[in-house]
Amino acid sequence: MKAFVAGATGATGQRIVRELVQRQIPVRALVRDLATAKTLLPPEVTLIQGGLVNTAALVEAIGDSDVLLCATGARPSLTEPMGPMMVDYWGVANLTDAAKQAHIQHFVLVSSLCVSRFFHPLNLFWLVLAWKLYGENYLRQSGLTYTIVRPGGLLNDNPPGQVVMAPADTLFQGRIPRSQVAEVCVEALSCPAARQKVVEIVSRSEAPALGWTELFSQV
């Protein structure tokens, strides 16, 4: 297995890259700034400078990777009205088209809880959740093997808790450490029960500890 990671220098993307490296999976990371990426990512990662605008360039960046993980996302901003559309929809769409051309075997997309709730406060930031849902739908209709991961509120630290996994549009609150999101994304690559699914995830201290196959199978 060889992995391509988009959004690799983001807070969640960094953790996905580290999780892959810990499992000795070769990684090609798409980054905007090489100098910054060298300070944030493990030295064994192959860094590819680029963006999500040009599909042909993305195909070249993907190279011989056979799985793809996307942790890109527009930052909430009142001054960049086009950001969510360009990143969370068009960017994901371009990456999906490139993945098809590059014969990617499994595409894992990090999205968000509540994307189906149009009247959510986060949509005040230029419909960021709505555009994420458009991106999800583009991937789902692509014919690619996919797993869409919708985490709750993201935590940088790791409070004790077990992953809770549920089907689409059933979890509407909760939080989860980014490290657990990364683990879910990487586990999805090798778990047949994760294919063609949208999974919503949060972390709860009182939840039972379940194996990954059991978690994905119950969705």
Protein backbone atom coordinates (compact mmCIF):
# COMPACT_ATOMS: atom_id res chain seq x y z
CA MET A 1 0.00 0.00 0.00
CA LYS A 2 1.16 3.52 -0.88
CA ALA A 3 -0.78 6.52 0.41
CA PHE A 4 -1.35 10.01 -0.93
CA VAL A 5 -2.46 12.60 1.64
CA ALA A 6 -4.04 15.94 0.71
CA GLY A 7 -4.12 18.56 3.45
CA ALA A 8 -1.08 16.92 4.99
CA THR A 9 0.14 19.94 6.97
CA GLY A 10 -3.21 20.66 8.60
CA ALA A 11 -3.76 19.67 12.21
CA THR A 12 -5.65 16.50 11.28
CA GLY A 13 -3.61 15.81 8.15
CA GLN A 14 -0.36 15.78 10.11
CA ARG A 15 -1.75 13.12 12.41
CA ILE A 16 -2.93 11.02 9.46
CA VAL A 17 0.56 11.18 7.96
CA ARG A 18 2.17 10.16 11.26
CA GLU A 19 -0.29 7.28 11.66
CA LEU A 20 0.60 6.00 8.19
CA VAL A 21 4.34 6.36 8.80
CA GLN A 22 4.05 4.50 12.11
CA ARG A 23 2.53 1.61 10.18
CA GLN A 24 5.38 1.78 7.65
CA ILE A 25 3.08 2.81 4.82
CA PRO A 26 4.90 5.01 2.25
CA VAL A 27 3.38 8.49 2.03
CA ARG A 28 3.25 11.17 -0.66
CA ALA A 29 2.01 14.41 0.90
CA LEU A 30 0.46 17.30 -1.02
CA VAL A 31 1.58 20.57 0.60
CA ARG A 32 1.39 24.25 -0.26
CA ASP A 33 4.69 25.26 1.36
CA LEU A 34 7.66 22.91 1.27
CA ALA A 35 9.67 24.71 3.96
CA THR A 36 6.78 24.56 6.41
CA ALA A 37 6.02 20.95 5.55
CA LYS A 38 9.61 19.90 6.29
CA THR A 39 9.23 21.21 9.84
CA LEU A 40 5.87 19.49 10.42
CA LEU A 41 6.08 16.08 8.75
CA PRO A 42 8.38 13.06 9.22
CA PRO A 43 11.50 13.09 7.04
CA GLU A 44 10.59 9.85 5.23
CA VAL A 45 7.50 11.46 3.67
CA THR A 46 7.72 12.45 -0.01
CA LEU A 47 6.59 16.08 -0.26
CA ILE A 48 4.74 17.28 -3.36
CA GLN A 49 4.12 21.01 -3.65
CA GLY A 50 0.78 21.92 -5.18
CA GLY A 51 -2.89 22.67 -4.74
CA LEU A 52 -6.31 21.32 -5.66
CA VAL A 53 -7.02 23.45 -8.74
CA ASN A 54 -5.46 21.44 -11.58
CA THR A 55 -6.63 17.86 -12.05
CA ALA A 56 -3.77 16.89 -14.36
CA ALA A 57 -1.22 18.16 -11.83
CA LEU A 58 -2.99 16.18 -9.11
CA VAL A 59 -2.76 12.98 -11.15
CA GLU A 60 0.99 13.53 -11.45
CA ALA A 61 1.25 14.31 -7.73
CA ILE A 62 -0.60 11.11 -6.81
CA GLY A 63 1.97 9.13 -8.79
CA ASP A 64 1.98 5.43 -7.94
CA SER A 65 -0.11 5.79 -4.78
CA ASP A 66 -2.99 3.34 -4.54
CA VAL A 67 -4.96 4.88 -1.63
CA LEU A 68 -5.82 8.51 -0.99
CA LEU A 69 -6.76 10.37 2.18
CA CYS A 70 -8.12 13.91 2.03
CA ALA A 71 -8.00 16.11 5.14
CA THR A 72 -8.36 19.47 3.40
CA GLY A 73 -10.85 22.03 4.65
CA ALA A 74 -11.57 25.73 4.36
CA ARG A 75 -10.89 27.69 7.51
CA PRO A 76 -13.94 29.53 8.89
CA SER A 77 -13.56 33.13 7.77
CA LEU A 78 -15.91 36.05 7.21
CA THR A 79 -13.50 37.60 4.71
CA GLU A 80 -13.08 34.69 2.25
CA PRO A 81 -16.55 33.97 0.83
CA MET A 82 -15.25 31.67 -1.92
CA GLY A 83 -13.05 29.56 0.37
CA PRO A 84 -15.51 26.79 1.31
CA MET A 85 -16.75 26.35 -2.26
CA MET A 86 -13.22 26.25 -3.70
CA VAL A 87 -11.75 23.90 -1.07
CA ASP A 88 -14.58 21.74 0.24
CA TYR A 89 -16.42 21.27 -3.05
CA TRP A 90 -14.31 22.07 -6.11
CA GLY A 91 -11.10 20.93 -4.45
CA VAL A 92 -12.62 17.60 -3.43
CA ALA A 93 -14.20 17.24 -6.87
CA ASN A 94 -10.86 17.84 -8.61
CA LEU A 95 -9.14 15.39 -6.29
CA THR A 96 -11.86 12.81 -6.95
CA ASP A 97 -11.44 13.18 -10.71
CA ALA A 98 -7.68 12.83 -10.33
CA ALA A 99 -8.12 9.75 -8.13
CA LYS A 100 -10.21 8.09 -10.82
CA GLN A 101 -7.60 8.81 -13.47
CA ALA A 102 -4.83 7.55 -11.17
CA HIS A 103 -6.78 4.33 -10.43
CA ILE A 104 -6.91 4.95 -6.67
CA GLN A 105 -8.28 1.89 -4.91
CA HIS A 106 -9.72 3.61 -1.82
CA PHE A 107 -10.50 7.30 -1.14
CA VAL A 108 -10.96 8.39 2.49
CA LEU A 109 -12.47 11.85 2.95
CA VAL A 110 -12.56 13.75 6.26
CA SER A 111 -15.77 15.77 6.42
CA SER A 112 -17.76 16.94 9.46
CA LEU A 113 -20.77 16.20 11.61
CA CYS A 114 -23.95 18.13 10.77
CA VAL A 115 -23.24 18.66 7.06
CA SER A 116 -26.90 17.86 6.35
CA ARG A 117 -28.15 20.61 8.70
CA PHE A 118 -28.44 23.69 6.52
CA PHE A 119 -29.45 25.96 9.40
CA HIS A 120 -26.32 25.15 11.41
CA PRO A 121 -24.32 28.11 12.82
CA LEU A 122 -21.20 27.04 10.92
CA ASN A 123 -23.00 27.72 7.66
CA LEU A 124 -22.82 31.40 8.54
CA PHE A 125 -19.22 31.05 7.33
CA TRP A 126 -20.18 31.02 3.65
CA LEU A 127 -22.08 27.70 3.80
CA VAL A 128 -19.02 25.69 4.77
CA LEU A 129 -21.02 22.62 5.84
CA ALA A 130 -23.22 22.76 2.75
CA TRP A 131 -20.16 22.79 0.48
CA LYS A 132 -18.69 19.84 2.41
CA LEU A 133 -21.87 17.91 1.66
CA TYR A 134 -21.56 18.76 -2.04
CA GLY A 135 -18.00 17.42 -1.92
CA GLU A 136 -19.17 14.23 -0.20
CA ASN A 137 -21.87 13.70 -2.81
CA TYR A 138 -19.41 14.16 -5.66
CA LEU A 139 -17.20 11.44 -4.21
CA ARG A 140 -20.14 9.12 -3.55
CA GLN A 141 -21.31 9.41 -7.15
CA SER A 142 -17.82 8.92 -8.62
CA GLY A 143 -17.75 5.13 -8.69
CA LEU A 144 -14.63 5.07 -6.48
CA THR A 145 -14.34 2.94 -3.38
CA TYR A 146 -14.68 5.44 -0.54
CA THR A 147 -15.08 6.00 3.17
CA ILE A 148 -16.37 9.38 4.34
CA VAL A 149 -15.47 10.18 7.94
CA ARG A 150 -17.53 12.82 9.72
CA PRO A 151 -15.87 13.72 13.04
CA GLY A 152 -17.39 15.81 15.80
CA GLY A 153 -15.64 18.84 17.30
CA LEU A 154 -11.91 18.32 16.91
CA LEU A 155 -9.59 18.24 19.92
CA ASN A 156 -5.82 18.65 19.77
CA ASP A 157 -5.25 16.78 23.04
CA ASN A 158 -6.17 13.19 23.81
CA PRO A 159 -8.62 12.90 26.72
CA PRO A 160 -9.54 9.30 27.60
CA GLY A 161 -12.41 7.91 25.58
CA GLN A 162 -13.45 5.28 23.06
CA VAL A 163 -14.50 5.91 19.47
CA VAL A 164 -18.26 5.89 18.94
CA MET A 165 -19.26 5.30 15.31
CA ALA A 166 -22.70 5.79 13.81
CA PRO A 167 -24.40 6.08 10.38
CA ALA A 168 -24.85 9.36 8.53
CA ASP A 169 -27.09 12.00 10.07
CA THR A 170 -27.47 10.32 13.46
CA LEU A 171 -24.82 12.10 15.57
CA PHE A 172 -25.22 15.84 15.99
CA GLN A 173 -22.96 16.64 18.92
CA GLY A 174 -19.78 15.42 20.55
CA ARG A 175 -16.04 15.83 20.25
CA ILE A 176 -13.11 13.66 19.32
CA PRO A 177 -9.30 13.96 19.39
CA ARG A 178 -7.68 14.45 16.01
CA SER A 179 -5.44 11.46 16.70
CA GLN A 180 -8.50 9.19 16.86
CA VAL A 181 -9.82 10.68 13.61
CA ALA A 182 -6.49 9.82 12.00
CA GLU A 183 -6.67 6.28 13.34
CA VAL A 184 -10.20 5.80 11.98
CA CYS A 185 -9.10 7.08 8.55
CA VAL A 186 -6.12 4.74 8.33
CA GLU A 187 -8.02 1.73 9.69
CA ALA A 188 -10.69 2.29 7.01
CA LEU A 189 -8.10 1.54 4.33
CA SER A 190 -7.71 -2.08 5.40
CA CYS A 191 -11.18 -2.84 6.77
CA PRO A 192 -13.63 -4.20 4.16
CA ALA A 193 -16.56 -3.18 6.37
CA ALA A 194 -15.58 0.48 5.93
CA ARG A 195 -16.10 0.57 2.17
CA GLN A 196 -18.86 2.69 0.60
CA LYS A 197 -19.86 4.12 3.97
CA VAL A 198 -20.36 7.46 5.66
CA VAL A 199 -19.37 7.14 9.31
CA GLU A 200 -19.92 9.72 12.02
CA ILE A 201 -17.49 9.58 14.93
CA VAL A 202 -17.15 11.07 18.39
CA SER A 203 -15.29 9.97 21.51
CA ARG A 204 -16.98 9.08 24.80
CA SER A 205 -15.37 8.00 28.04
CA GLU A 206 -18.26 5.67 28.92
CA ALA A 207 -18.37 3.90 25.54
CA PRO A 208 -17.31 0.24 25.28
CA ALA A 209 -14.05 -0.58 23.55
CA LEU A 210 -14.94 -2.23 20.24
CA GLY A 211 -12.73 -3.58 17.49
CA TRP A 212 -12.51 -1.72 14.20
CA THR A 213 -14.36 -4.33 12.17
CA GLU A 214 -17.20 -4.28 14.70
CA LEU A 215 -17.33 -0.48 14.67
CA PHE A 216 -17.48 -0.22 10.89
CA SER A 217 -19.86 -3.18 10.57
CA GLN A 218 -22.49 -1.58 12.80
CA VAL A 219 -22.79 1.41 10.45
